[in-house]
């Protein structure tokens, strides 16, 4: 099912760190129609399906639609997605609140590994130490880095942070699609 869901994240560029909108994203009505068909094909329903719907809507910059879904799902996965959504709004304080509710998420280990490899390859040792202290993904630090980037925009840094955010979306989607 992961491949079927990942196709919804196929856009020319990953989401902005902020709310968007950006070009080349699908309208919510098209996404919902396609997701309804995919969910029916895989027998997917309930909270897991709604969280998958919300992450895909959020990827395509439909923040309000995604928020109306995640605000009522108070699981670790719902809180994680809720935190990402608020980070993108941007409402950094609210994002930190939701990340506190998450604590350690099952995606964090793989996220730390993938992001460490990316940052090593880019020669970003300082950012790696900040985001992955002791080899553990620090979601709060990522909120801080995104907030600092919004205050002092730098195209290169922003592109790197968007790549990290893309990994975060993909790992959460894979997690939701597999459970």
N, C-alpha and C. Protein backbone atom coordinates (compact mmCIF):
# COMPACT_ATOMS: atom_id res chain seq x y z
N UNK A 1 0.82 -1.19 0.00
CA UNK A 1 0.00 0.00 0.00
C UNK A 1 0.87 1.26 0.00
N UNK A 2 2.11 1.19 0.52
CA UNK A 2 2.95 2.38 0.60
C UNK A 2 3.12 3.06 -0.75
N UNK A 3 3.35 2.28 -1.81
CA UNK A 3 3.54 2.85 -3.14
C UNK A 3 2.29 3.57 -3.60
N UNK A 4 1.13 2.98 -3.34
CA UNK A 4 -0.13 3.62 -3.73
C UNK A 4 -0.32 4.95 -3.02
N UNK A 5 0.08 5.03 -1.77
CA UNK A 5 -0.08 6.27 -1.03
C UNK A 5 1.00 7.27 -1.39
N UNK A 6 2.23 6.81 -1.60
CA UNK A 6 3.34 7.71 -1.92
C UNK A 6 3.09 8.49 -3.22
N UNK A 7 2.31 7.92 -4.14
CA UNK A 7 2.06 8.63 -5.40
C UNK A 7 1.36 9.96 -5.16
N UNK A 8 0.64 10.08 -4.06
CA UNK A 8 -0.04 11.33 -3.74
C UNK A 8 0.96 12.42 -3.31
N UNK A 9 2.18 12.02 -2.99
CA UNK A 9 3.20 12.99 -2.62
C UNK A 9 4.09 13.35 -3.81
N UNK A 10 3.70 12.91 -4.97
CA UNK A 10 4.48 13.17 -6.17
C UNK A 10 4.12 14.54 -6.73
N UNK A 11 4.92 15.52 -6.34
CA UNK A 11 4.76 16.89 -6.83
C UNK A 11 6.15 17.38 -7.25
N UNK A 12 6.21 18.38 -8.12
CA UNK A 12 7.52 18.86 -8.58
C UNK A 12 8.43 19.33 -7.45
N UNK A 13 7.85 19.79 -6.36
CA UNK A 13 8.67 20.22 -5.22
C UNK A 13 7.93 19.89 -3.94
N UNK A 14 8.69 19.71 -2.86
CA UNK A 14 8.03 19.43 -1.57
C UNK A 14 7.34 20.67 -1.04
N UNK A 15 6.48 20.50 -0.03
CA UNK A 15 5.80 21.65 0.54
C UNK A 15 6.77 22.69 1.09
N UNK A 16 6.32 23.92 1.06
CA UNK A 16 7.08 24.99 1.69
C UNK A 16 7.06 24.78 3.20
N UNK A 17 7.97 25.45 3.88
CA UNK A 17 7.96 25.38 5.34
C UNK A 17 6.76 26.11 5.90
N UNK A 18 6.27 27.09 5.16
CA UNK A 18 5.09 27.85 5.55
C UNK A 18 3.83 27.26 4.93
N UNK A 19 2.76 28.01 4.96
CA UNK A 19 1.46 27.47 4.57
C UNK A 19 1.23 27.27 3.08
N UNK A 20 2.05 27.87 2.23
CA UNK A 20 1.77 27.79 0.80
C UNK A 20 0.77 28.87 0.44
N UNK A 21 0.05 28.75 -0.62
CA UNK A 21 0.04 27.61 -1.54
C UNK A 21 1.18 27.71 -2.55
N UNK A 22 1.49 26.57 -3.16
CA UNK A 22 2.49 26.52 -4.22
C UNK A 22 1.82 25.98 -5.47
N UNK A 23 2.49 26.13 -6.58
CA UNK A 23 1.95 25.65 -7.86
C UNK A 23 2.02 24.13 -7.93
N UNK A 24 1.24 23.57 -8.79
CA UNK A 24 1.27 22.13 -9.11
C UNK A 24 0.84 21.21 -7.98
N UNK A 25 -0.09 21.67 -7.16
CA UNK A 25 -0.69 20.78 -6.17
C UNK A 25 -2.11 20.49 -6.62
N UNK A 26 -2.64 19.37 -6.18
CA UNK A 26 -3.98 18.97 -6.59
C UNK A 26 -5.03 19.64 -5.71
N UNK A 27 -6.17 19.96 -6.29
CA UNK A 27 -7.28 20.47 -5.49
C UNK A 27 -7.76 19.42 -4.50
N UNK A 28 -8.28 19.87 -3.39
CA UNK A 28 -8.75 18.96 -2.34
C UNK A 28 -9.82 18.00 -2.86
N UNK A 29 -10.71 18.49 -3.71
CA UNK A 29 -11.79 17.61 -4.21
C UNK A 29 -11.22 16.45 -5.01
N UNK A 30 -10.22 16.73 -5.85
CA UNK A 30 -9.58 15.65 -6.62
C UNK A 30 -8.86 14.67 -5.71
N UNK A 31 -8.14 15.20 -4.74
CA UNK A 31 -7.42 14.34 -3.80
C UNK A 31 -8.39 13.44 -3.05
N UNK A 32 -9.46 14.02 -2.53
CA UNK A 32 -10.43 13.24 -1.76
C UNK A 32 -11.07 12.15 -2.62
N UNK A 33 -11.38 12.48 -3.86
CA UNK A 33 -11.96 11.47 -4.76
C UNK A 33 -10.99 10.31 -4.98
N UNK A 34 -9.74 10.65 -5.28
CA UNK A 34 -8.73 9.62 -5.48
C UNK A 34 -8.48 8.80 -4.23
N UNK A 35 -8.42 9.47 -3.09
CA UNK A 35 -8.20 8.75 -1.83
C UNK A 35 -9.37 7.83 -1.51
N UNK A 36 -10.59 8.28 -1.76
CA UNK A 36 -11.75 7.41 -1.53
C UNK A 36 -11.62 6.12 -2.32
N UNK A 37 -11.19 6.23 -3.57
CA UNK A 37 -11.01 5.05 -4.42
C UNK A 37 -9.89 4.16 -3.89
N UNK A 38 -8.77 4.78 -3.55
CA UNK A 38 -7.62 4.01 -3.02
C UNK A 38 -7.98 3.33 -1.71
N UNK A 39 -8.67 4.04 -0.82
CA UNK A 39 -9.06 3.46 0.46
C UNK A 39 -9.99 2.28 0.25
N UNK A 40 -10.92 2.41 -0.67
CA UNK A 40 -11.85 1.32 -0.96
C UNK A 40 -11.08 0.10 -1.48
N UNK A 41 -10.11 0.35 -2.36
CA UNK A 41 -9.29 -0.72 -2.94
C UNK A 41 -8.54 -1.50 -1.86
N UNK A 42 -8.06 -0.81 -0.84
CA UNK A 42 -7.28 -1.45 0.21
C UNK A 42 -8.08 -1.74 1.47
N UNK A 43 -9.37 -1.46 1.46
CA UNK A 43 -10.20 -1.70 2.63
C UNK A 43 -9.77 -0.85 3.81
N UNK A 44 -9.34 0.35 3.54
CA UNK A 44 -8.84 1.25 4.57
C UNK A 44 -9.94 2.19 5.03
N UNK A 45 -10.11 2.28 6.33
CA UNK A 45 -11.12 3.19 6.88
C UNK A 45 -10.69 3.62 8.27
N UNK A 46 -11.55 4.35 8.95
CA UNK A 46 -11.29 4.74 10.33
C UNK A 46 -10.23 5.80 10.46
N UNK A 47 -9.68 5.90 11.67
CA UNK A 47 -8.71 6.94 11.99
C UNK A 47 -7.47 6.88 11.13
N UNK A 48 -6.98 5.69 10.89
CA UNK A 48 -5.76 5.57 10.09
C UNK A 48 -5.98 6.16 8.70
N UNK A 49 -7.11 5.84 8.09
CA UNK A 49 -7.44 6.39 6.78
C UNK A 49 -7.57 7.91 6.82
N UNK A 50 -8.19 8.40 7.87
CA UNK A 50 -8.36 9.85 7.98
C UNK A 50 -7.01 10.55 8.19
N UNK A 51 -6.10 9.92 8.92
CA UNK A 51 -4.77 10.52 9.10
C UNK A 51 -3.99 10.51 7.78
N UNK A 52 -4.13 9.44 7.01
CA UNK A 52 -3.49 9.40 5.69
C UNK A 52 -4.08 10.50 4.81
N UNK A 53 -5.40 10.67 4.86
CA UNK A 53 -6.05 11.74 4.10
C UNK A 53 -5.49 13.10 4.53
N UNK A 54 -5.37 13.30 5.83
CA UNK A 54 -4.89 14.58 6.35
C UNK A 54 -3.46 14.86 5.93
N UNK A 55 -2.59 13.85 5.97
CA UNK A 55 -1.19 14.10 5.60
C UNK A 55 -1.09 14.45 4.12
N UNK A 56 -1.90 13.82 3.30
CA UNK A 56 -1.86 14.11 1.86
C UNK A 56 -2.46 15.49 1.59
N UNK A 57 -3.54 15.83 2.26
CA UNK A 57 -4.09 17.18 2.11
C UNK A 57 -3.09 18.23 2.56
N UNK A 58 -2.39 17.98 3.65
CA UNK A 58 -1.39 18.91 4.15
C UNK A 58 -0.24 19.05 3.16
N UNK A 59 0.20 17.94 2.58
CA UNK A 59 1.26 17.98 1.57
C UNK A 59 0.87 18.92 0.42
N UNK A 60 -0.40 18.90 0.06
CA UNK A 60 -0.89 19.72 -1.05
C UNK A 60 -1.40 21.09 -0.59
N UNK A 61 -0.99 21.52 0.59
CA UNK A 61 -1.26 22.87 1.11
C UNK A 61 -2.71 23.13 1.48
N UNK A 62 -3.48 22.10 1.75
CA UNK A 62 -4.86 22.27 2.20
C UNK A 62 -4.88 22.18 3.73
N UNK A 63 -4.31 23.19 4.36
CA UNK A 63 -4.13 23.18 5.81
C UNK A 63 -5.45 23.13 6.58
N UNK A 64 -6.42 23.91 6.16
CA UNK A 64 -7.70 23.92 6.88
C UNK A 64 -8.39 22.56 6.82
N UNK A 65 -8.38 21.94 5.65
CA UNK A 65 -9.00 20.62 5.51
C UNK A 65 -8.28 19.57 6.36
N UNK A 66 -6.95 19.63 6.35
CA UNK A 66 -6.16 18.69 7.17
C UNK A 66 -6.41 18.94 8.66
N UNK A 67 -6.48 20.21 9.03
CA UNK A 67 -6.69 20.55 10.44
C UNK A 67 -8.04 20.05 10.94
N UNK A 68 -9.07 20.16 10.11
CA UNK A 68 -10.39 19.71 10.56
C UNK A 68 -10.40 18.20 10.82
N UNK A 69 -9.49 17.48 10.21
CA UNK A 69 -9.39 16.03 10.46
C UNK A 69 -8.58 15.77 11.73
N UNK A 70 -7.36 16.33 11.80
CA UNK A 70 -6.45 15.95 12.89
C UNK A 70 -6.85 16.52 14.24
N UNK A 71 -7.61 17.59 14.27
CA UNK A 71 -7.94 18.18 15.57
C UNK A 71 -8.76 17.24 16.44
N UNK A 72 -9.42 16.25 15.85
CA UNK A 72 -10.25 15.33 16.62
C UNK A 72 -9.61 13.95 16.81
N UNK A 73 -8.35 13.79 16.37
CA UNK A 73 -7.68 12.49 16.51
C UNK A 73 -6.53 12.65 17.48
N UNK A 74 -6.78 12.29 18.73
CA UNK A 74 -5.80 12.51 19.79
C UNK A 74 -4.96 11.27 20.08
N UNK A 75 -4.38 10.73 18.99
CA UNK A 75 -3.43 9.64 19.12
C UNK A 75 -2.04 10.21 18.91
N UNK A 76 -1.02 9.40 19.11
CA UNK A 76 0.36 9.85 18.88
C UNK A 76 0.54 10.27 17.42
N UNK A 77 -0.06 9.51 16.49
CA UNK A 77 0.05 9.85 15.07
C UNK A 77 -0.72 11.13 14.75
N UNK A 78 -1.91 11.28 15.31
CA UNK A 78 -2.69 12.48 15.11
C UNK A 78 -1.99 13.71 15.66
N UNK A 79 -1.39 13.55 16.83
CA UNK A 79 -0.66 14.67 17.45
C UNK A 79 0.57 15.03 16.61
N UNK A 80 1.24 14.03 16.07
CA UNK A 80 2.42 14.30 15.24
C UNK A 80 2.03 15.11 14.01
N UNK A 81 0.99 14.69 13.34
CA UNK A 81 0.54 15.41 12.15
C UNK A 81 0.02 16.80 12.51
N UNK A 82 -0.66 16.90 13.63
CA UNK A 82 -1.16 18.19 14.12
C UNK A 82 0.03 19.15 14.36
N UNK A 83 1.11 18.63 14.91
CA UNK A 83 2.31 19.44 15.16
C UNK A 83 2.92 19.95 13.85
N UNK A 84 3.03 19.07 12.86
CA UNK A 84 3.58 19.47 11.56
C UNK A 84 2.71 20.57 10.96
N UNK A 85 1.41 20.39 11.03
CA UNK A 85 0.48 21.36 10.48
C UNK A 85 0.69 22.74 11.12
N UNK A 86 0.78 22.77 12.44
CA UNK A 86 0.97 24.07 13.11
C UNK A 86 2.34 24.67 12.82
N UNK A 87 3.33 23.83 12.62
CA UNK A 87 4.66 24.35 12.26
C UNK A 87 4.58 25.04 10.90
N UNK A 88 3.79 24.49 9.99
CA UNK A 88 3.66 25.08 8.65
C UNK A 88 2.78 26.32 8.63
N UNK A 89 1.89 26.51 9.59
CA UNK A 89 0.92 27.63 9.53
C UNK A 89 1.57 29.02 9.38
N UNK A 90 2.48 29.51 9.99
CA UNK A 90 3.27 29.00 11.10
C UNK A 90 2.72 29.45 12.46
N UNK A 91 2.59 28.48 13.33
CA UNK A 91 2.23 28.72 14.74
C UNK A 91 3.19 27.85 15.55
N UNK A 92 4.41 28.35 15.72
CA UNK A 92 5.49 27.56 16.29
C UNK A 92 5.23 27.12 17.72
N UNK A 93 4.64 27.99 18.52
CA UNK A 93 4.32 27.62 19.90
C UNK A 93 3.33 26.46 19.94
N UNK A 94 2.32 26.51 19.10
CA UNK A 94 1.33 25.43 19.05
C UNK A 94 1.97 24.15 18.51
N UNK A 95 2.89 24.29 17.56
CA UNK A 95 3.60 23.11 17.05
C UNK A 95 4.38 22.44 18.18
N UNK A 96 5.06 23.24 18.99
CA UNK A 96 5.83 22.68 20.12
C UNK A 96 4.89 21.97 21.11
N UNK A 97 3.73 22.58 21.36
CA UNK A 97 2.74 21.95 22.25
C UNK A 97 2.39 20.55 21.74
N UNK A 98 2.08 20.43 20.46
CA UNK A 98 1.68 19.13 19.90
C UNK A 98 2.84 18.15 19.87
N UNK A 99 4.06 18.64 19.60
CA UNK A 99 5.21 17.73 19.65
C UNK A 99 5.45 17.24 21.08
N UNK A 100 5.19 18.07 22.09
CA UNK A 100 5.29 17.59 23.49
C UNK A 100 4.31 16.45 23.72
N UNK A 101 3.12 16.54 23.15
CA UNK A 101 2.12 15.48 23.30
C UNK A 101 2.56 14.19 22.61
N UNK A 102 3.36 14.33 21.56
CA UNK A 102 3.83 13.16 20.83
C UNK A 102 4.88 12.40 21.63
N UNK A 103 5.84 13.12 22.19
CA UNK A 103 6.97 12.45 22.83
C UNK A 103 7.80 11.76 21.76
N UNK A 104 8.18 10.53 22.02
CA UNK A 104 8.93 9.75 21.03
C UNK A 104 7.95 9.05 20.10
N UNK A 105 8.14 9.22 18.81
CA UNK A 105 7.27 8.60 17.81
C UNK A 105 8.03 7.46 17.14
N UNK A 106 7.34 6.41 16.70
CA UNK A 106 8.01 5.29 16.02
C UNK A 106 8.83 5.70 14.80
N UNK A 107 8.53 6.82 14.17
CA UNK A 107 9.28 7.28 12.99
C UNK A 107 10.61 7.94 13.35
N UNK A 108 10.79 8.33 14.60
CA UNK A 108 11.94 9.14 14.96
C UNK A 108 13.28 8.45 14.71
N UNK A 109 13.37 7.16 14.95
CA UNK A 109 14.65 6.46 14.75
C UNK A 109 15.08 6.50 13.29
N UNK A 110 14.17 6.13 12.40
CA UNK A 110 14.49 6.15 10.97
C UNK A 110 14.70 7.58 10.48
N UNK A 111 13.94 8.51 11.03
CA UNK A 111 14.10 9.91 10.66
C UNK A 111 15.51 10.38 11.01
N UNK A 112 15.97 10.06 12.21
CA UNK A 112 17.32 10.46 12.62
C UNK A 112 18.36 9.87 11.68
N UNK A 113 18.22 8.61 11.31
CA UNK A 113 19.19 7.97 10.41
C UNK A 113 19.21 8.65 9.04
N UNK A 114 18.03 8.85 8.45
CA UNK A 114 17.97 9.43 7.10
C UNK A 114 18.43 10.88 7.08
N UNK A 115 18.03 11.63 8.07
CA UNK A 115 18.38 13.05 8.08
C UNK A 115 19.87 13.22 8.40
N UNK A 116 20.41 12.38 9.27
CA UNK A 116 21.85 12.43 9.56
C UNK A 116 22.64 12.16 8.28
N UNK A 117 22.22 11.17 7.50
CA UNK A 117 22.91 10.86 6.25
C UNK A 117 22.83 12.05 5.28
N UNK A 118 21.65 12.66 5.17
CA UNK A 118 21.48 13.82 4.29
C UNK A 118 22.39 14.96 4.73
N UNK A 119 22.38 15.27 6.02
CA UNK A 119 23.16 16.40 6.52
C UNK A 119 24.66 16.14 6.41
N UNK A 120 25.08 14.90 6.63
CA UNK A 120 26.50 14.55 6.44
C UNK A 120 26.89 14.78 4.99
N UNK A 121 26.06 14.30 4.06
CA UNK A 121 26.35 14.45 2.63
C UNK A 121 26.41 15.92 2.21
N UNK A 122 25.66 16.77 2.88
CA UNK A 122 25.64 18.20 2.56
C UNK A 122 26.67 18.99 3.35
N UNK A 123 27.45 18.32 4.21
CA UNK A 123 28.44 19.01 5.02
C UNK A 123 27.82 19.93 6.06
N UNK A 124 26.67 19.53 6.57
CA UNK A 124 25.93 20.35 7.54
C UNK A 124 26.04 19.76 8.95
N UNK A 125 27.29 19.62 9.42
CA UNK A 125 27.54 19.02 10.73
C UNK A 125 26.89 19.77 11.88
N UNK A 126 26.92 21.11 11.82
CA UNK A 126 26.32 21.91 12.90
C UNK A 126 24.82 21.67 12.97
N UNK A 127 24.16 21.64 11.82
CA UNK A 127 22.72 21.40 11.79
C UNK A 127 22.41 19.96 12.24
N UNK A 128 23.26 19.03 11.86
CA UNK A 128 23.08 17.64 12.30
C UNK A 128 23.17 17.56 13.83
N UNK A 129 24.15 18.21 14.42
CA UNK A 129 24.29 18.18 15.89
C UNK A 129 23.07 18.81 16.56
N UNK A 130 22.51 19.80 15.93
CA UNK A 130 21.36 20.49 16.51
C UNK A 130 20.07 19.66 16.39
N UNK A 131 19.85 19.05 15.22
CA UNK A 131 18.61 18.32 14.98
C UNK A 131 18.65 16.88 15.47
N UNK A 132 19.85 16.33 15.58
CA UNK A 132 19.97 14.91 15.95
C UNK A 132 21.00 14.75 17.07
N UNK A 133 20.76 15.41 18.20
CA UNK A 133 21.72 15.29 19.30
C UNK A 133 21.71 13.86 19.84
N UNK A 134 22.88 13.32 20.03
CA UNK A 134 22.98 11.96 20.55
C UNK A 134 22.35 10.92 19.65
N UNK A 135 22.19 11.23 18.38
CA UNK A 135 21.62 10.28 17.43
C UNK A 135 20.09 10.20 17.46
N UNK A 136 19.44 11.11 18.20
CA UNK A 136 17.98 11.10 18.33
C UNK A 136 17.38 12.32 17.63
N UNK A 137 16.30 12.10 16.86
CA UNK A 137 15.61 13.19 16.18
C UNK A 137 15.00 14.13 17.22
N UNK A 138 15.24 15.43 17.05
CA UNK A 138 14.71 16.44 17.96
C UNK A 138 13.71 17.31 17.20
N UNK A 139 12.43 16.97 17.31
CA UNK A 139 11.38 17.70 16.60
C UNK A 139 11.28 19.15 17.05
N UNK A 140 11.55 19.41 18.34
CA UNK A 140 11.52 20.79 18.84
C UNK A 140 12.59 21.63 18.16
N UNK A 141 13.78 21.06 18.03
CA UNK A 141 14.88 21.78 17.38
C UNK A 141 14.53 22.08 15.93
N UNK A 142 13.83 21.16 15.28
CA UNK A 142 13.43 21.42 13.90
C UNK A 142 12.43 22.57 13.83
N UNK A 143 11.52 22.64 14.78
CA UNK A 143 10.60 23.79 14.85
C UNK A 143 11.41 25.07 15.00
N UNK A 144 12.40 25.06 15.89
CA UNK A 144 13.23 26.25 16.12
C UNK A 144 13.97 26.66 14.85
N UNK A 145 14.52 25.68 14.15
CA UNK A 145 15.28 25.96 12.92
C UNK A 145 14.34 26.51 11.84
N UNK A 146 13.14 25.95 11.74
CA UNK A 146 12.16 26.46 10.76
C UNK A 146 11.75 27.89 11.11
N UNK A 147 11.57 28.16 12.39
CA UNK A 147 11.20 29.51 12.82
C UNK A 147 12.32 30.50 12.49
N UNK A 148 13.56 30.11 12.77
CA UNK A 148 14.70 30.99 12.46
C UNK A 148 14.82 31.22 10.96
N UNK A 149 14.54 30.19 10.19
CA UNK A 149 14.60 30.31 8.73
C UNK A 149 13.53 31.27 8.21
N UNK A 150 12.37 31.27 8.84
CA UNK A 150 11.29 32.19 8.43
C UNK A 150 11.67 33.63 8.73
N UNK A 151 12.43 33.84 9.81
CA UNK A 151 12.82 35.20 10.20
C UNK A 151 13.98 35.74 9.37
N UNK A 152 14.84 34.83 8.92
CA UNK A 152 16.00 35.22 8.11
C UNK A 152 16.12 34.26 6.92
N UNK A 153 15.27 34.46 5.91
CA UNK A 153 15.22 33.52 4.79
C UNK A 153 16.56 33.36 4.07
N UNK A 154 16.87 32.13 3.74
CA UNK A 154 18.06 31.77 2.98
C UNK A 154 17.63 30.62 2.08
N UNK A 155 17.68 30.83 0.77
CA UNK A 155 17.15 29.84 -0.18
C UNK A 155 17.81 28.48 -0.03
N UNK A 156 19.12 28.46 0.19
CA UNK A 156 19.82 27.17 0.33
C UNK A 156 19.37 26.45 1.58
N UNK A 157 19.33 27.16 2.70
CA UNK A 157 18.92 26.56 3.96
C UNK A 157 17.46 26.12 3.88
N UNK A 158 16.61 26.96 3.31
CA UNK A 158 15.19 26.63 3.18
C UNK A 158 15.00 25.37 2.35
N UNK A 159 15.75 25.23 1.27
CA UNK A 159 15.66 24.02 0.44
C UNK A 159 16.03 22.77 1.21
N UNK A 160 17.06 22.88 2.02
CA UNK A 160 17.49 21.75 2.85
C UNK A 160 16.43 21.41 3.89
N UNK A 161 15.85 22.43 4.52
CA UNK A 161 14.81 22.19 5.52
C UNK A 161 13.56 21.59 4.88
N UNK A 162 13.24 22.00 3.67
CA UNK A 162 12.10 21.42 2.96
C UNK A 162 12.36 19.95 2.63
N UNK A 163 13.61 19.62 2.32
CA UNK A 163 13.97 18.22 2.07
C UNK A 163 13.80 17.39 3.35
N UNK A 164 14.20 17.94 4.47
CA UNK A 164 14.01 17.25 5.75
C UNK A 164 12.51 17.07 6.02
N UNK A 165 11.74 18.12 5.79
CA UNK A 165 10.29 18.03 5.98
C UNK A 165 9.67 16.97 5.05
N UNK A 166 10.20 16.88 3.81
CA UNK A 166 9.71 15.85 2.88
C UNK A 166 9.93 14.46 3.47
N UNK A 167 11.11 14.23 4.02
CA UNK A 167 11.41 12.94 4.65
C UNK A 167 10.44 12.67 5.79
N UNK A 168 10.15 13.69 6.56
CA UNK A 168 9.23 13.57 7.68
C UNK A 168 7.84 13.14 7.19
N UNK A 169 7.34 13.79 6.15
CA UNK A 169 6.05 13.43 5.57
C UNK A 169 6.06 11.98 5.07
N UNK A 170 7.12 11.62 4.31
CA UNK A 170 7.18 10.28 3.75
C UNK A 170 7.23 9.20 4.82
N UNK A 171 8.02 9.43 5.85
CA UNK A 171 8.13 8.43 6.92
C UNK A 171 6.82 8.29 7.68
N UNK A 172 6.16 9.40 7.95
CA UNK A 172 4.88 9.31 8.64
C UNK A 172 3.84 8.63 7.77
N UNK A 173 3.82 8.95 6.48
CA UNK A 173 2.89 8.29 5.57
C UNK A 173 3.18 6.79 5.49
N UNK A 174 4.44 6.42 5.38
CA UNK A 174 4.81 4.99 5.35
C UNK A 174 4.37 4.30 6.63
N UNK A 175 4.58 4.95 7.76
CA UNK A 175 4.19 4.39 9.05
C UNK A 175 2.67 4.16 9.09
N UNK A 176 1.91 5.16 8.67
CA UNK A 176 0.45 5.04 8.69
C UNK A 176 -0.06 4.02 7.68
N UNK A 177 0.65 3.89 6.57
CA UNK A 177 0.24 2.94 5.54
C UNK A 177 0.56 1.50 5.91
N UNK A 178 1.54 1.33 6.80
CA UNK A 178 1.98 -0.02 7.17
C UNK A 178 1.27 -0.57 8.39
N UNK A 179 0.75 0.30 9.26
CA UNK A 179 0.19 -0.18 10.52
C UNK A 179 -1.23 -0.67 10.35
